[in-house]
Amino acid sequence: MKTLGLILESILEEICTGKKLFTPEAGTQEAMEKFQKVAKAISYADSEGLLEHCQFGIADFTERLTFSRVLVTGGVTEKGHEFLRLRFSDHQQKVG
């Protein structure tokens, strides 16, 4: 299972390559639950200023907020690029 940091890193890299829309892989409950980690990582990135702008689609407002899709309408900010540079640097030091 990926940690939030790895999920966040992966998502930022995808956005850098042009991906804008994030949705569950399938219409199953399991896929929706798995997608919540992705949506929460994007929400965190947005709140920390790593992304310019996001729009969140809400599937359910029951006892727990459930995201159905996320559209990244802006790109990765300079702060987000710096986050990726630091992560890449950390990976290089661990490998080297």
PDB file of N, CA and C in Angstrom:
ATOM      1  N   MET A   1       0.842  -1.174   0.000  1.00  0.00           N
ATOM      2  CA  MET A   1       0.000   0.000   0.000  1.00  0.00           C
ATOM      3  C   MET A   1       0.892   1.244   0.000  1.00  0.00           C
ATOM      4  N   LYS A   2       0.577   2.183  -0.863  1.00  0.00           N
ATOM      5  CA  LYS A   2       1.353   3.409  -0.962  1.00  0.00           C
ATOM      6  C   LYS A   2       1.040   4.346   0.194  1.00  0.00           C
ATOM      7  N   THR A   3       2.065   5.067   0.626  1.00  0.00           N
ATOM      8  CA  THR A   3       1.867   6.089   1.650  1.00  0.00           C
ATOM      9  C   THR A   3       1.318   7.344   0.982  1.00  0.00           C
ATOM     10  N   LEU A   4       0.812   8.268   1.798  1.00  0.00           N
ATOM     11  CA  LEU A   4       0.279   9.518   1.260  1.00  0.00           C
ATOM     12  C   LEU A   4       1.357  10.261   0.477  1.00  0.00           C
ATOM     13  N   GLY A   5       2.589  10.260   0.975  1.00  0.00           N
ATOM     14  CA  GLY A   5       3.685  10.941   0.280  1.00  0.00           C
ATOM     15  C   GLY A   5       3.933  10.379  -1.106  1.00  0.00           C
ATOM     16  N   LEU A   6       3.907   9.060  -1.225  1.00  0.00           N
ATOM     17  CA  LEU A   6       4.113   8.430  -2.532  1.00  0.00           C
ATOM     18  C   LEU A   6       2.938   8.681  -3.465  1.00  0.00           C
ATOM     19  N   ILE A   7       1.728   8.647  -2.923  1.00  0.00           N
ATOM     20  CA  ILE A   7       0.542   8.938  -3.733  1.00  0.00           C
ATOM     21  C   ILE A   7       0.611  10.377  -4.220  1.00  0.00           C
ATOM     22  N   LEU A   8       0.934  11.297  -3.324  1.00  0.00           N
ATOM     23  CA  LEU A   8       1.041  12.707  -3.674  1.00  0.00           C
ATOM     24  C   LEU A   8       2.111  12.939  -4.737  1.00  0.00           C
ATOM     25  N   GLU A   9       3.246  12.329  -4.566  1.00  0.00           N
ATOM     26  CA  GLU A   9       4.331  12.446  -5.538  1.00  0.00           C
ATOM     27  C   GLU A   9       3.889  11.937  -6.914  1.00  0.00           C
ATOM     28  N   SER A  10       3.262  10.788  -6.938  1.00  0.00           N
ATOM     29  CA  SER A  10       2.788  10.196  -8.189  1.00  0.00           C
ATOM     30  C   SER A  10       1.765  11.094  -8.879  1.00  0.00           C
ATOM     31  N   ILE A  11       0.838  11.643  -8.113  1.00  0.00           N
ATOM     32  CA  ILE A  11      -0.205  12.514  -8.668  1.00  0.00           C
ATOM     33  C   ILE A  11       0.401  13.789  -9.243  1.00  0.00           C
ATOM     34  N   LEU A  12       1.313  14.416  -8.496  1.00  0.00           N
ATOM     35  CA  LEU A  12       1.951  15.637  -8.989  1.00  0.00           C
ATOM     36  C   LEU A  12       2.706  15.373 -10.285  1.00  0.00           C
ATOM     37  N   GLU A  13       3.371  14.227 -10.369  1.00  0.00           N
ATOM     38  CA  GLU A  13       4.076  13.865 -11.603  1.00  0.00           C
ATOM     39  C   GLU A  13       3.094  13.691 -12.757  1.00  0.00           C
ATOM     40  N   GLU A  14       1.951  13.062 -12.497  1.00  0.00           N
ATOM     41  CA  GLU A  14       0.932  12.884 -13.534  1.00  0.00           C
ATOM     42  C   GLU A  14       0.397  14.230 -14.012  1.00  0.00           C
ATOM     43  N   ILE A  15       0.174  15.144 -13.089  1.00  0.00           N
ATOM     44  CA  ILE A  15      -0.328  16.470 -13.450  1.00  0.00           C
ATOM     45  C   ILE A  15       0.718  17.216 -14.273  1.00  0.00           C
ATOM     46  N   CYS A  16       1.975  17.065 -13.913  1.00  0.00           N
ATOM     47  CA  CYS A  16       3.061  17.698 -14.678  1.00  0.00           C
ATOM     48  C   CYS A  16       3.088  17.202 -16.123  1.00  0.00           C
ATOM     49  N   THR A  17       2.673  15.958 -16.337  1.00  0.00           N
ATOM     50  CA  THR A  17       2.666  15.403 -17.696  1.00  0.00           C
ATOM     51  C   THR A  17       1.365  15.679 -18.433  1.00  0.00           C
ATOM     52  N   GLY A  18       0.443  16.421 -17.778  1.00  0.00           N
ATOM     53  CA  GLY A  18      -0.767  16.842 -18.474  1.00  0.00           C
ATOM     54  C   GLY A  18      -2.070  16.233 -18.025  1.00  0.00           C
ATOM     55  N   LYS A  19      -2.036  15.296 -17.082  1.00  0.00           N
ATOM     56  CA  LYS A  19      -3.293  14.703 -16.619  1.00  0.00           C
ATOM     57  C   LYS A  19      -4.065  15.726 -15.807  1.00  0.00           C
ATOM     58  N   LYS A  20      -5.352  15.861 -16.080  1.00  0.00           N
ATOM     59  CA  LYS A  20      -6.192  16.845 -15.401  1.00  0.00           C
ATOM     60  C   LYS A  20      -7.361  16.224 -14.646  1.00  0.00           C
ATOM     61  N   LEU A  21      -7.878  15.104 -15.132  1.00  0.00           N
ATOM     62  CA  LEU A  21      -9.067  14.499 -14.540  1.00  0.00           C
ATOM     63  C   LEU A  21      -8.711  13.192 -13.821  1.00  0.00           C
ATOM     64  N   PHE A  22      -9.126  13.104 -12.583  1.00  0.00           N
ATOM     65  CA  PHE A  22      -8.902  11.908 -11.778  1.00  0.00           C
ATOM     66  C   PHE A  22     -10.249  11.369 -11.347  1.00  0.00           C
ATOM     67  N   THR A  23     -10.487  10.089 -11.623  1.00  0.00           N
ATOM     68  CA  THR A  23     -11.746   9.426 -11.278  1.00  0.00           C
ATOM     69  C   THR A  23     -11.435   8.007 -10.796  1.00  0.00           C
ATOM     70  N   PRO A  24     -12.392   7.348 -10.141  1.00  0.00           N
ATOM     71  CA  PRO A  24     -12.175   5.944  -9.764  1.00  0.00           C
ATOM     72  C   PRO A  24     -11.959   5.094 -11.016  1.00  0.00           C
ATOM     73  N   GLU A  25     -11.201   4.012 -10.873  1.00  0.00           N
ATOM     74  CA  GLU A  25     -10.899   3.140 -12.000  1.00  0.00           C
ATOM     75  C   GLU A  25     -12.116   2.360 -12.488  1.00  0.00           C
ATOM     76  N   ALA A  26     -13.097   2.169 -11.611  1.00  0.00           N
ATOM     77  CA  ALA A  26     -14.309   1.416 -11.970  1.00  0.00           C
ATOM     78  C   ALA A  26     -15.468   1.960 -11.134  1.00  0.00           C
ATOM     79  N   GLY A  27     -16.640   1.423 -11.378  1.00  0.00           N
ATOM     80  CA  GLY A  27     -17.825   1.862 -10.653  1.00  0.00           C
ATOM     81  C   GLY A  27     -18.104   1.070  -9.392  1.00  0.00           C
ATOM     82  N   THR A  28     -17.141   0.289  -8.936  1.00  0.00           N
ATOM     83  CA  THR A  28     -17.351  -0.550  -7.758  1.00  0.00           C
ATOM     84  C   THR A  28     -17.087   0.228  -6.469  1.00  0.00           C
ATOM     85  N   GLN A  29     -17.609  -0.278  -5.393  1.00  0.00           N
ATOM     86  CA  GLN A  29     -17.381   0.332  -4.076  1.00  0.00           C
ATOM     87  C   GLN A  29     -15.892   0.285  -3.728  1.00  0.00           C
ATOM     88  N   GLU A  30     -15.232  -0.800  -4.057  1.00  0.00           N
ATOM     89  CA  GLU A  30     -13.794  -0.951  -3.782  1.00  0.00           C
ATOM     90  C   GLU A  30     -12.983   0.104  -4.534  1.00  0.00           C
ATOM     91  N   ALA A  31     -13.316   0.319  -5.813  1.00  0.00           N
ATOM     92  CA  ALA A  31     -12.614   1.335  -6.607  1.00  0.00           C
ATOM     93  C   ALA A  31     -12.871   2.727  -6.056  1.00  0.00           C
ATOM     94  N   MET A  32     -14.092   2.975  -5.601  1.00  0.00           N
ATOM     95  CA  MET A  32     -14.433   4.276  -5.031  1.00  0.00           C
ATOM     96  C   MET A  32     -13.642   4.510  -3.742  1.00  0.00           C
ATOM     97  N   GLU A  33     -13.528   3.488  -2.915  1.00  0.00           N
ATOM     98  CA  GLU A  33     -12.772   3.616  -1.662  1.00  0.00           C
ATOM     99  C   GLU A  33     -11.288   3.842  -1.942  1.00  0.00           C
ATOM    100  N   LYS A  34     -10.752   3.139  -2.917  1.00  0.00           N
ATOM    101  CA  LYS A  34      -9.350   3.312  -3.299  1.00  0.00           C
ATOM    102  C   LYS A  34      -9.116   4.728  -3.830  1.00  0.00           C
ATOM    103  N   PHE A  35     -10.080   5.255  -4.582  1.00  0.00           N
ATOM    104  CA  PHE A  35      -9.962   6.586  -5.155  1.00  0.00           C
ATOM    105  C   PHE A  35      -9.942   7.670  -4.086  1.00  0.00           C
ATOM    106  N   GLN A  36     -10.549   7.410  -2.944  1.00  0.00           N
ATOM    107  CA  GLN A  36     -10.600   8.426  -1.888  1.00  0.00           C
ATOM    108  C   GLN A  36      -9.198   8.836  -1.441  1.00  0.00           C
ATOM    109  N   LYS A  37      -8.242   7.900  -1.458  1.00  0.00           N
ATOM    110  CA  LYS A  37      -6.854   8.228  -1.105  1.00  0.00           C
ATOM    111  C   LYS A  37      -6.262   9.206  -2.112  1.00  0.00           C
ATOM    112  N   VAL A  38      -6.569   8.985  -3.381  1.00  0.00           N
ATOM    113  CA  VAL A  38      -6.096   9.874  -4.438  1.00  0.00           C
ATOM    114  C   VAL A  38      -6.723  11.260  -4.266  1.00  0.00           C
ATOM    115  N   ALA A  39      -8.036  11.303  -4.075  1.00  0.00           N
ATOM    116  CA  ALA A  39      -8.741  12.577  -3.922  1.00  0.00           C
ATOM    117  C   ALA A  39      -8.251  13.337  -2.697  1.00  0.00           C
ATOM    118  N   LYS A  40      -8.013  12.632  -1.613  1.00  0.00           N
ATOM    119  CA  LYS A  40      -7.526  13.291  -0.398  1.00  0.00           C
ATOM    120  C   LYS A  40      -6.104  13.809  -0.587  1.00  0.00           C
ATOM    121  N   ALA A  41      -5.288  13.092  -1.329  1.00  0.00           N
ATOM    122  CA  ALA A  41      -3.931  13.563  -1.616  1.00  0.00           C
ATOM    123  C   ALA A  41      -3.981  14.831  -2.468  1.00  0.00           C
ATOM    124  N   ILE A  42      -4.892  14.874  -3.442  1.00  0.00           N
ATOM    125  CA  ILE A  42      -5.041  16.074  -4.275  1.00  0.00           C
ATOM    126  C   ILE A  42      -5.577  17.221  -3.431  1.00  0.00           C
ATOM    127  N   SER A  43      -6.530  16.944  -2.555  1.00  0.00           N
ATOM    128  CA  SER A  43      -7.070  17.967  -1.669  1.00  0.00           C
ATOM    129  C   SER A  43      -5.961  18.534  -0.780  1.00  0.00           C
ATOM    130  N   TYR A  44      -5.116  17.667  -0.264  1.00  0.00           N
ATOM    131  CA  TYR A  44      -3.993  18.109   0.565  1.00  0.00           C
ATOM    132  C   TYR A  44      -3.043  18.987  -0.258  1.00  0.00           C
ATOM    133  N   ALA A  45      -2.718  18.544  -1.469  1.00  0.00           N
ATOM    134  CA  ALA A  45      -1.825  19.318  -2.340  1.00  0.00           C
ATOM    135  C   ALA A  45      -2.411  20.692  -2.626  1.00  0.00           C
ATOM    136  N   ASP A  46      -3.706  20.735  -2.848  1.00  0.00           N
ATOM    137  CA  ASP A  46      -4.388  21.996  -3.112  1.00  0.00           C
ATOM    138  C   ASP A  46      -4.315  22.912  -1.883  1.00  0.00           C
ATOM    139  N   SER A  47      -4.581  22.362  -0.716  1.00  0.00           N
ATOM    140  CA  SER A  47      -4.579  23.164   0.513  1.00  0.00           C
ATOM    141  C   SER A  47      -3.180  23.645   0.895  1.00  0.00           C
ATOM    142  N   GLU A  48      -2.153  22.914   0.470  1.00  0.00           N
ATOM    143  CA  GLU A  48      -0.775  23.288   0.790  1.00  0.00           C
ATOM    144  C   GLU A  48      -0.139  24.177  -0.274  1.00  0.00           C
ATOM    145  N   GLY A  49      -0.911  24.510  -1.311  1.00  0.00           N
ATOM    146  CA  GLY A  49      -0.388  25.391  -2.346  1.00  0.00           C
ATOM    147  C   GLY A  49       0.506  24.707  -3.365  1.00  0.00           C
ATOM    148  N   LEU A  50       0.399  23.389  -3.479  1.00  0.00           N
ATOM    149  CA  LEU A  50       1.199  22.646  -4.445  1.00  0.00           C
ATOM    150  C   LEU A  50       0.540  22.642  -5.830  1.00  0.00           C
ATOM    151  N   LEU A  51      -0.774  22.941  -5.862  1.00  0.00           N
ATOM    152  CA  LEU A  51      -1.541  23.004  -7.104  1.00  0.00           C
ATOM    153  C   LEU A  51      -2.198  24.371  -7.221  1.00  0.00           C
ATOM    154  N   GLU A  52      -2.438  24.795  -8.466  1.00  0.00           N
ATOM    155  CA  GLU A  52      -3.058  26.101  -8.686  1.00  0.00           C
ATOM    156  C   GLU A  52      -4.552  26.097  -8.366  1.00  0.00           C
ATOM    157  N   HIS A  53      -5.299  25.138  -8.894  1.00  0.00           N
ATOM    158  CA  HIS A  53      -6.736  25.116  -8.647  1.00  0.00           C
ATOM    159  C   HIS A  53      -7.312  23.744  -8.969  1.00  0.00           C
ATOM    160  N   CYS A  54      -8.249  23.309  -8.132  1.00  0.00           N
ATOM    161  CA  CYS A  54      -8.918  22.018  -8.325  1.00  0.00           C
ATOM    162  C   CYS A  54     -10.415  22.175  -8.104  1.00  0.00           C
ATOM    163  N   GLN A  55     -11.180  21.305  -8.772  1.00  0.00           N
ATOM    164  CA  GLN A  55     -12.623  21.224  -8.556  1.00  0.00           C
ATOM    165  C   GLN A  55     -12.926  19.792  -8.150  1.00  0.00           C
ATOM    166  N   PHE A  56     -13.648  19.646  -7.048  1.00  0.00           N
ATOM    167  CA  PHE A  56     -13.944  18.323  -6.511  1.00  0.00           C
ATOM    168  C   PHE A  56     -15.400  17.974  -6.741  1.00  0.00           C
ATOM    169  N   GLY A  57     -15.645  16.798  -7.302  1.00  0.00           N
ATOM    170  CA  GLY A  57     -16.994  16.272  -7.443  1.00  0.00           C
ATOM    171  C   GLY A  57     -17.308  15.433  -6.222  1.00  0.00           C
ATOM    172  N   ILE A  58     -18.450  15.678  -5.611  1.00  0.00           N
ATOM    173  CA  ILE A  58     -18.847  14.976  -4.391  1.00  0.00           C
ATOM    174  C   ILE A  58     -19.885  13.915  -4.732  1.00  0.00           C
ATOM    175  N   ALA A  59     -19.625  12.685  -4.310  1.00  0.00           N
ATOM    176  CA  ALA A  59     -20.553  11.590  -4.573  1.00  0.00           C
ATOM    177  C   ALA A  59     -21.563  11.438  -3.441  1.00  0.00           C
ATOM    178  N   ASP A  60     -21.136  11.744  -2.220  1.00  0.00           N
ATOM    179  CA  ASP A  60     -21.989  11.450  -1.080  1.00  0.00           C
ATOM    180  C   ASP A  60     -21.664  12.380   0.083  1.00  0.00           C
ATOM    181  N   PHE A  61     -22.688  12.824   0.771  1.00  0.00           N
ATOM    182  CA  PHE A  61     -22.525  13.680   1.943  1.00  0.00           C
ATOM    183  C   PHE A  61     -22.984  12.974   3.212  1.00  0.00           C
ATOM    184  N   THR A  62     -22.912  11.671   3.266  1.00  0.00           N
ATOM    185  CA  THR A  62     -23.367  10.950   4.456  1.00  0.00           C
ATOM    186  C   THR A  62     -22.410  11.232   5.608  1.00  0.00           C
ATOM    187  N   GLU A  63     -22.190  10.274   6.477  1.00  0.00           N
ATOM    188  CA  GLU A  63     -21.314  10.497   7.629  1.00  0.00           C
ATOM    189  C   GLU A  63     -19.873  10.809   7.207  1.00  0.00           C
ATOM    190  N   ARG A  64     -19.541  10.499   5.972  1.00  0.00           N
ATOM    191  CA  ARG A  64     -18.183  10.702   5.485  1.00  0.00           C
ATOM    192  C   ARG A  64     -18.239  11.272   4.078  1.00  0.00           C
ATOM    193  N   LEU A  65     -17.511  12.334   3.832  1.00  0.00           N
ATOM    194  CA  LEU A  65     -17.456  12.952   2.516  1.00  0.00           C
ATOM    195  C   LEU A  65     -16.799  11.996   1.527  1.00  0.00           C
ATOM    196  N   THR A  66     -17.461  11.749   0.398  1.00  0.00           N
ATOM    197  CA  THR A  66     -16.931  10.845  -0.621  1.00  0.00           C
ATOM    198  C   THR A  66     -16.785  11.603  -1.932  1.00  0.00           C
ATOM    199  N   PHE A  67     -15.557  11.612  -2.460  1.00  0.00           N
ATOM    200  CA  PHE A  67     -15.278  12.291  -3.724  1.00  0.00           C
ATOM    201  C   PHE A  67     -15.518  11.349  -4.895  1.00  0.00           C
ATOM    202  N   SER A  68     -16.144  11.864  -5.961  1.00  0.00           N
ATOM    203  CA  SER A  68     -16.407  11.055  -7.148  1.00  0.00           C
ATOM    204  C   SER A  68     -15.433  11.355  -8.286  1.00  0.00           C
ATOM    205  N   ARG A  69     -14.882  12.572  -8.292  1.00  0.00           N
ATOM    206  CA  ARG A  69     -13.908  12.946  -9.313  1.00  0.00           C
ATOM    207  C   ARG A  69     -13.196  14.205  -8.878  1.00  0.00           C
ATOM    208  N   VAL A  70     -12.021  14.429  -9.467  1.00  0.00           N
ATOM    209  CA  VAL A  70     -11.276  15.661  -9.210  1.00  0.00           C
ATOM    210  C   VAL A  70     -10.768  16.174 -10.548  1.00  0.00           C
ATOM    211  N   LEU A  71     -11.031  17.443 -10.819  1.00  0.00           N
ATOM    212  CA  LEU A  71     -10.536  18.095 -12.022  1.00  0.00           C
ATOM    213  C   LEU A  71      -9.502  19.130 -11.588  1.00  0.00           C
ATOM    214  N   VAL A  72      -8.282  18.973 -12.069  1.00  0.00           N
ATOM    215  CA  VAL A  72      -7.220  19.924 -11.774  1.00  0.00           C
ATOM    216  C   VAL A  72      -7.227  20.942 -12.903  1.00  0.00           C
ATOM    217  N   THR A  73      -7.763  22.133 -12.614  1.00  0.00           N
ATOM    218  CA  THR A  73      -7.909  23.141 -13.665  1.00  0.00           C
ATOM    219  C   THR A  73      -6.683  24.032 -13.792  1.00  0.00           C
ATOM    220  N   GLY A  74      -5.849  24.036 -12.785  1.00  0.00           N
ATOM    221  CA  GLY A  74      -4.562  24.724 -12.861  1.00  0.00           C
ATOM    222  C   GLY A  74      -3.479  23.668 -12.945  1.00  0.00           C
ATOM    223  N   GLY A  75      -2.269  24.055 -12.812  1.00  0.00           N
ATOM    224  CA  GLY A  75      -1.181  23.088 -12.843  1.00  0.00           C
ATOM    225  C   GLY A  75      -0.480  23.010 -11.507  1.00  0.00           C
ATOM    226  N   VAL A  76       0.691  22.430 -11.535  1.00  0.00           N
ATOM    227  CA  VAL A  76       1.527  22.341 -10.345  1.00  0.00           C
ATOM    228  C   VAL A  76       2.204  23.694 -10.145  1.00  0.00           C
ATOM    229  N   THR A  77       2.156  24.206  -8.934  1.00  0.00           N
ATOM    230  CA  THR A  77       2.772  25.496  -8.624  1.00  0.00           C
ATOM    231  C   THR A  77       4.285  25.327  -8.469  1.00  0.00           C
ATOM    232  N   GLU A  78       4.976  26.435  -8.311  1.00  0.00           N
ATOM    233  CA  GLU A  78       6.425  26.371  -8.063  1.00  0.00           C
ATOM    234  C   GLU A  78       6.706  25.608  -6.773  1.00  0.00           C
ATOM    235  N   LYS A  79       5.849  25.819  -5.768  1.00  0.00           N
ATOM    236  CA  LYS A  79       5.992  25.079  -4.511  1.00  0.00           C
ATOM    237  C   LYS A  79       5.836  23.574  -4.754  1.00  0.00           C
ATOM    238  N   GLY A  80       4.920  23.203  -5.631  1.00  0.00           N
ATOM    239  CA  GLY A  80       4.729  21.792  -5.972  1.00  0.00           C
ATOM    240  C   GLY A  80       5.927  21.215  -6.704  1.00  0.00           C
ATOM    241  N   HIS A  81       6.491  21.997  -7.619  1.00  0.00           N
ATOM    242  CA  HIS A  81       7.705  21.554  -8.321  1.00  0.00           C
ATOM    243  C   HIS A  81       8.866  21.392  -7.343  1.00  0.00           C
ATOM    244  N   GLU A  82       8.954  22.294  -6.375  1.00  0.00           N
ATOM    245  CA  GLU A  82      10.008  22.195  -5.355  1.00  0.00           C
ATOM    246  C   GLU A  82       9.818  20.929  -4.522  1.00  0.00           C
ATOM    247  N   PHE A  83       8.564  20.614  -4.177  1.00  0.00           N
ATOM    248  CA  PHE A  83       8.263  19.379  -3.458  1.00  0.00           C
ATOM    249  C   PHE A  83       8.784  18.169  -4.235  1.00  0.00           C
ATOM    250  N   LEU A  84       8.517  18.142  -5.542  1.00  0.00           N
ATOM    251  CA  LEU A  84       8.986  17.030  -6.376  1.00  0.00           C
ATOM    252  C   LEU A  84      10.503  16.993  -6.450  1.00  0.00           C
ATOM    253  N   ARG A  85      11.148  18.149  -6.578  1.00  0.00           N
ATOM    254  CA  ARG A  85      12.620  18.181  -6.624  1.00  0.00           C
ATOM    255  C   ARG A  85      13.211  17.614  -5.331  1.00  0.00           C
ATOM    256  N   LEU A  86      12.632  18.002  -4.194  1.00  0.00           N
ATOM    257  CA  LEU A  86      13.126  17.495  -2.916  1.00  0.00           C
ATOM    258  C   LEU A  86      12.912  15.985  -2.794  1.00  0.00           C
ATOM    259  N   ARG A  87      11.750  15.511  -3.233  1.00  0.00           N
ATOM    260  CA  ARG A  87      11.473  14.062  -3.194  1.00  0.00           C
ATOM    261  C   ARG A  87      12.442  13.310  -4.094  1.00  0.00           C
ATOM    262  N   PHE A  88      12.692  13.852  -5.287  1.00  0.00           N
ATOM    263  CA  PHE A  88      13.622  13.214  -6.223  1.00  0.00           C
ATOM    264  C   PHE A  88      15.024  13.186  -5.621  1.00  0.00           C
ATOM    265  N   SER A  89      15.423  14.279  -4.989  1.00  0.00           N
ATOM    266  CA  SER A  89      16.729  14.362  -4.346  1.00  0.00           C
ATOM    267  C   SER A  89      16.849  13.329  -3.230  1.00  0.00           C
ATOM    268  N   ASP A  90      15.784  13.175  -2.427  1.00  0.00           N
ATOM    269  CA  ASP A  90      15.775  12.171  -1.358  1.00  0.00           C
ATOM    270  C   ASP A  90      15.918  10.768  -1.928  1.00  0.00           C
ATOM    271  N   HIS A  91      15.219  10.490  -3.040  1.00  0.00           N
ATOM    272  CA  HIS A  91      15.303   9.171  -3.671  1.00  0.00           C
ATOM    273  C   HIS A  91      16.723   8.913  -4.164  1.00  0.00           C
ATOM    274  N   GLN A  92      17.357   9.928  -4.761  1.00  0.00           N
ATOM    275  CA  GLN A  92      18.711   9.785  -5.278  1.00  0.00           C
ATOM    276  C   GLN A  92      19.696   9.479  -4.150  1.00  0.00           C
ATOM    277  N   GLN A  93      19.524  10.141  -3.004  1.00  0.00           N
ATOM    278  CA  GLN A  93      20.426   9.919  -1.869  1.00  0.00           C
ATOM    279  C   GLN A  93      20.253   8.517  -1.305  1.00  0.00           C
ATOM    280  N   LYS A  94      19.013   8.011  -1.286  1.00  0.00           N
ATOM    281  CA  LYS A  94      18.772   6.664  -0.766  1.00  0.00           C
ATOM    282  C   LYS A  94      19.333   5.609  -1.692  1.00  0.00           C
ATOM    283  N   VAL A  95      19.275   5.866  -3.006  1.00  0.00           N
ATOM    284  CA  VAL A  95      19.785   4.901  -3.983  1.00  0.00           C
ATOM    285  C   VAL A  95      21.308   4.969  -4.041  1.00  0.00           C
ATOM    286  N   GLY A  96      21.827   6.184  -4.035  1.00  0.00           N
ATOM    287  CA  GLY A  96      23.267   6.401  -4.173  1.00  0.00           C
ATOM    288  C   GLY A  96      23.964   6.116  -2.909  1.00  0.00           C
TER     289      GLY A  96
END
